[in-house]
Amino acid sequence: MQFTVTYDSETECILVSIEGELRLSLFDLMAKQVADYMAKHPDCKFILNDLTNAIPTKSNIETYYMPKRALKAGVDRSMKRALVVNGDLSNFKFLETVFVNQGNIVKLFNNIKDAKEWLFASKEF
């Protein structure tokens, strides 16, 4: 898995792009970078995850621990997170369900446009 984490000051949104298999070991590194951006930009409440080139891990155990590991890294549950995937949403449905069941605000999308509309629905630009 490869990832990039950046910050868009116009939308006050952390942008995450992931390629390859979404494994827990690299998820930890990615979550740490997201938490670092959150610390630098305390008004930021949005994360846009581009998973269009990502493959969900085959391990349900790894997926189950991702929300706890994100929280441990410093990514607050109150962050509103859009997950943009390529094609069939069902491949990432378990990931979404695990995050939501552990108190996170997360939603799956097939395109960036719909994800941004949901993320920024109540935000004034």
Protein backbone atom coordinates (compact mmCIF):
# COMPACT_ATOMS: atom_id res chain seq x y z
CA MET A 1 0.00 0.00 0.00
CA GLN A 2 1.12 3.51 -0.80
CA PHE A 3 -0.58 6.64 0.47
CA THR A 4 -0.40 10.41 0.42
CA VAL A 5 -1.89 12.80 2.96
CA THR A 6 -2.31 16.50 2.18
CA TYR A 7 -4.39 19.43 3.40
CA ASP A 8 -6.67 21.65 1.31
CA SER A 9 -6.82 25.05 3.01
CA GLU A 10 -9.74 26.24 0.84
CA THR A 11 -12.09 23.51 2.10
CA GLU A 12 -10.24 22.86 5.38
CA CYS A 13 -10.17 19.19 4.46
CA ILE A 14 -7.53 16.51 4.83
CA LEU A 15 -7.09 14.61 1.56
CA VAL A 16 -5.95 11.00 1.69
CA SER A 17 -5.13 8.88 -1.35
CA ILE A 18 -4.44 5.17 -0.98
CA GLU A 19 -3.18 2.69 -3.57
CA GLY A 20 -2.84 -1.04 -3.10
CA GLU A 21 -4.02 -3.29 -0.30
CA LEU A 22 -5.26 -1.44 2.77
CA ARG A 23 -3.22 -3.22 5.45
CA LEU A 24 -3.25 -2.36 9.15
CA SER A 25 0.52 -1.75 9.40
CA LEU A 26 0.49 1.01 6.81
CA PHE A 27 -2.93 2.22 7.96
CA ASP A 28 -1.22 3.11 11.25
CA LEU A 29 1.33 5.28 9.43
CA MET A 30 -1.38 6.97 7.39
CA ALA A 31 -3.52 7.64 10.51
CA LYS A 32 -0.51 9.24 12.23
CA GLN A 33 -0.05 11.63 9.31
CA VAL A 34 -3.76 12.50 9.36
CA ALA A 35 -3.52 13.19 13.11
CA ASP A 36 -0.50 15.45 12.49
CA TYR A 37 -2.52 17.51 9.99
CA MET A 38 -5.40 17.67 12.47
CA ALA A 39 -3.05 19.06 15.11
CA LYS A 40 -1.75 21.71 12.68
CA HIS A 41 -5.28 22.63 11.54
CA PRO A 42 -7.59 22.35 14.57
CA ASP A 43 -10.59 23.79 12.66
CA CYS A 44 -10.43 20.92 10.16
CA LYS A 45 -13.35 18.51 10.56
CA PHE A 46 -13.32 16.70 7.20
CA ILE A 47 -11.36 13.86 5.61
CA LEU A 48 -11.78 12.89 1.97
CA ASN A 49 -10.35 9.41 1.34
CA ASP A 50 -9.67 8.47 -2.28
CA LEU A 51 -9.75 4.67 -2.26
CA THR A 52 -10.39 4.31 -6.00
CA ASN A 53 -7.04 2.51 -6.40
CA ALA A 54 -7.19 0.68 -3.07
CA ILE A 55 -7.98 -2.94 -2.34
CA PRO A 56 -9.60 -3.82 1.00
CA THR A 57 -7.57 -6.16 3.17
CA LYS A 58 -8.80 -9.73 3.16
CA SER A 59 -8.43 -9.78 6.93
CA ASN A 60 -11.65 -8.86 8.74
CA ILE A 61 -9.61 -8.72 11.96
CA GLU A 62 -7.37 -5.99 10.52
CA THR A 63 -10.40 -4.06 9.29
CA TYR A 64 -12.07 -4.38 12.70
CA TYR A 65 -9.08 -2.76 14.45
CA MET A 66 -8.70 0.18 12.05
CA PRO A 67 -11.07 2.57 13.88
CA LYS A 68 -9.38 1.89 17.22
CA ARG A 69 -5.95 2.39 15.68
CA ALA A 70 -7.06 5.66 14.05
CA LEU A 71 -8.34 6.89 17.42
CA LYS A 72 -5.11 5.81 19.13
CA ALA A 73 -3.11 7.76 16.51
CA GLY A 74 -5.14 10.87 17.34
CA VAL A 75 -7.86 10.88 14.66
CA ASP A 76 -11.00 11.97 16.50
CA ARG A 77 -14.29 10.15 15.92
CA SER A 78 -16.00 13.50 15.21
CA MET A 79 -14.12 13.88 11.92
CA LYS A 80 -16.55 13.53 9.01
CA ARG A 81 -15.01 11.05 6.55
CA ALA A 82 -16.01 10.31 2.98
CA LEU A 83 -14.61 7.14 1.39
CA VAL A 84 -14.57 7.24 -2.41
CA VAL A 85 -14.22 3.79 -3.98
CA ASN A 86 -14.12 2.51 -7.52
CA GLY A 87 -17.05 0.39 -8.63
CA ASP A 88 -18.91 -1.87 -6.25
CA LEU A 89 -19.41 -0.33 -2.81
CA SER A 90 -19.87 -3.76 -1.25
CA ASN A 91 -16.10 -4.37 -1.31
CA PHE A 92 -15.67 -1.63 1.30
CA LYS A 93 -19.03 -1.94 3.09
CA PHE A 94 -17.52 -3.87 6.02
CA LEU A 95 -14.93 -1.10 6.52
CA GLU A 96 -17.68 1.54 6.56
CA THR A 97 -19.83 -0.51 8.94
CA VAL A 98 -16.97 -1.09 11.40
CA PHE A 99 -16.15 2.62 11.55
CA VAL A 100 -19.80 3.64 11.97
CA ASN A 101 -20.42 0.98 14.64
CA GLN A 102 -17.47 2.37 16.60
CA GLY A 103 -18.89 5.90 16.64
CA ASN A 104 -17.32 7.44 13.54
CA ILE A 105 -19.04 9.57 10.87
CA VAL A 106 -18.19 7.70 7.66
CA LYS A 107 -19.93 7.22 4.32
CA LEU A 108 -19.04 5.39 1.09
CA PHE A 109 -19.30 7.02 -2.35
CA ASN A 110 -18.60 6.11 -5.98
CA ASN A 111 -17.44 9.59 -6.99
CA ILE A 112 -15.66 12.61 -5.57
CA LYS A 113 -18.49 15.04 -6.44
CA ASP A 114 -21.09 13.24 -4.29
CA ALA A 115 -18.55 12.76 -1.50
CA LYS A 116 -17.75 16.48 -1.38
CA GLU A 117 -21.44 17.42 -1.41
CA TRP A 118 -22.05 15.18 1.63
CA LEU A 119 -18.86 16.28 3.44
CA PHE A 120 -19.44 19.99 3.04
CA ALA A 121 -23.27 20.06 3.16
CA SER A 122 -23.35 22.39 6.16
CA LYS A 123 -20.09 24.27 5.51
CA GLU A 124 -20.02 27.88 4.32
CA PHE A 125 -17.23 28.77 1.87
